[in-house]
Amino acid sequence: MKNYVLFAAIGLLSATGIAVAQQAQPMNQGELNQIDTDKNGAVSASEYQTFMNGAFTNLDANGNGSLSAAETSKVLTPAQFSTLDANGNGSVDKKEFMTQVMKDFASADKSGDGQLK
């Protein structure tokens, strides 16, 4: 399960707005289906938040509650990591991570209905 979540997180991290200054690609249907736990054809903010909490935990290889540039180097560029590191301390804590990914969710929710389809 850990590898499944990490693999999906890699796709999501590069597909969401975390790719801030770069050309972000929308999530494909396969990625959405993986997160759509109630299988209603849409990903709710709650489903996305739950998934991304798991992604953070899996990326946090040393389990210290924050992400280093080394822990994210396979999924984020230095510029993307810097964007996540809102306070500029060289690591990304869970609050920084979740704040950004939920902003990304809101940006991707073009209809404003709280769901990604």
Protein backbone atom coordinates (compact mmCIF):
# COMPACT_ATOMS: atom_id res chain seq x y z
CA MET A 1 0.00 0.00 0.00
CA LYS A 2 2.83 2.40 0.84
CA ASN A 3 4.28 2.16 -2.67
CA TYR A 4 0.82 2.64 -4.22
CA VAL A 5 0.27 5.86 -2.26
CA LEU A 6 3.76 7.11 -2.98
CA PHE A 7 3.41 6.36 -6.70
CA ALA A 8 0.09 8.19 -6.84
CA ALA A 9 1.51 11.05 -4.79
CA ILE A 10 4.32 11.46 -7.29
CA GLY A 11 1.79 11.85 -10.08
CA LEU A 12 -0.35 14.18 -8.04
CA LEU A 13 2.46 16.34 -6.77
CA SER A 14 3.66 16.94 -10.29
CA ALA A 15 0.13 17.31 -11.65
CA THR A 16 -1.25 19.79 -9.14
CA GLY A 17 -0.44 23.43 -8.56
CA ILE A 18 2.66 22.51 -6.58
CA ALA A 19 4.28 22.84 -9.97
CA VAL A 20 3.74 26.53 -9.36
CA ALA A 21 6.03 28.33 -11.76
CA GLN A 22 5.87 25.54 -14.27
CA GLN A 23 3.23 24.21 -16.58
CA ALA A 24 0.99 22.13 -14.32
CA GLN A 25 -0.97 19.36 -15.98
CA PRO A 26 -4.45 18.50 -14.73
CA MET A 27 -4.90 15.15 -13.03
CA ASN A 28 -5.92 12.40 -15.38
CA GLN A 29 -9.00 10.24 -14.81
CA GLY A 30 -6.92 7.35 -13.48
CA GLU A 31 -5.41 9.55 -10.77
CA LEU A 32 -8.84 10.92 -9.86
CA ASN A 33 -10.27 7.40 -9.68
CA GLN A 34 -7.54 6.37 -7.22
CA ILE A 35 -8.54 9.13 -4.82
CA ASP A 36 -12.31 8.82 -5.32
CA THR A 37 -12.85 6.48 -2.37
CA ASP A 38 -16.65 6.61 -2.46
CA LYS A 39 -16.57 5.92 -6.22
CA ASN A 40 -19.10 8.63 -7.07
CA GLY A 41 -17.09 9.87 -10.04
CA ALA A 42 -15.66 12.94 -8.30
CA VAL A 43 -12.96 13.71 -5.75
CA SER A 44 -14.22 15.77 -2.84
CA ALA A 45 -12.03 18.13 -0.85
CA SER A 46 -12.20 15.63 2.02
CA GLU A 47 -11.05 12.73 -0.17
CA TYR A 48 -8.22 14.85 -1.56
CA GLN A 49 -7.17 16.02 1.90
CA THR A 50 -7.15 12.45 3.22
CA PHE A 51 -5.10 11.27 0.27
CA MET A 52 -2.60 14.09 0.54
CA ASN A 53 -2.20 13.53 4.30
CA GLY A 54 -1.18 9.98 3.41
CA ALA A 55 1.13 11.23 0.68
CA PHE A 56 2.87 13.53 3.17
CA THR A 57 3.35 10.66 5.61
CA ASN A 58 4.83 8.47 2.87
CA LEU A 59 7.14 11.19 1.61
CA ASP A 60 8.36 11.83 5.19
CA ALA A 61 10.87 8.96 5.02
CA ASN A 62 12.48 9.68 8.40
CA GLY A 63 9.15 10.26 10.13
CA ASN A 64 10.15 13.57 11.71
CA GLY A 65 6.99 15.43 10.68
CA SER A 66 8.60 17.53 7.99
CA LEU A 67 9.87 17.07 4.46
CA SER A 68 13.42 17.87 3.44
CA ALA A 69 14.55 18.72 -0.05
CA ALA A 70 16.23 15.30 -0.17
CA GLU A 71 12.99 13.48 0.74
CA THR A 72 11.13 15.22 -2.08
CA SER A 73 13.91 15.38 -4.67
CA LYS A 74 12.35 12.63 -6.81
CA VAL A 75 8.99 14.42 -7.06
CA LEU A 76 9.73 18.13 -6.72
CA THR A 77 12.20 20.49 -8.31
CA PRO A 78 14.12 22.83 -6.00
CA ALA A 79 11.81 25.67 -7.10
CA GLN A 80 8.71 23.64 -6.26
CA PHE A 81 10.15 22.70 -2.86
CA SER A 82 10.94 26.36 -2.20
CA THR A 83 7.34 27.29 -2.98
CA LEU A 84 6.08 24.71 -0.47
CA ASP A 85 8.56 25.96 2.15
CA ALA A 86 6.45 29.01 3.00
CA ASN A 87 8.56 30.09 5.98
CA GLY A 88 11.87 29.49 4.19
CA ASN A 89 13.40 27.33 6.91
CA GLY A 90 14.58 24.59 4.54
CA SER A 91 11.90 22.07 5.41
CA VAL A 92 8.20 21.67 4.72
CA ASP A 93 5.99 20.81 7.66
CA LYS A 94 2.60 19.20 7.30
CA LYS A 95 0.75 22.52 7.68
CA GLU A 96 2.75 24.13 4.85
CA PHE A 97 2.23 21.08 2.67
CA MET A 98 -1.50 20.79 3.31
CA THR A 99 -2.08 24.52 2.92
CA GLN A 100 -0.53 24.42 -0.55
CA VAL A 101 -2.18 21.23 -1.76
CA MET A 102 -5.60 22.43 -0.63
CA LYS A 103 -5.00 25.74 -2.45
CA ASP A 104 -4.16 23.62 -5.48
CA PHE A 105 -7.41 21.70 -5.03
CA ALA A 106 -9.39 24.94 -4.89
CA SER A 107 -7.65 26.19 -8.04
CA ALA A 108 -8.38 22.94 -9.85
CA ASP A 109 -12.05 23.06 -8.81
CA LYS A 110 -13.09 25.20 -11.78
CA SER A 111 -16.81 24.83 -11.09
CA GLY A 112 -16.46 25.77 -7.44
CA ASP A 113 -18.59 22.83 -6.33
CA GLY A 114 -15.95 21.37 -4.00
CA GLN A 115 -15.22 18.44 -6.30
CA LEU A 116 -12.77 17.48 -8.99
CA LYS A 117 -14.24 15.57 -11.91
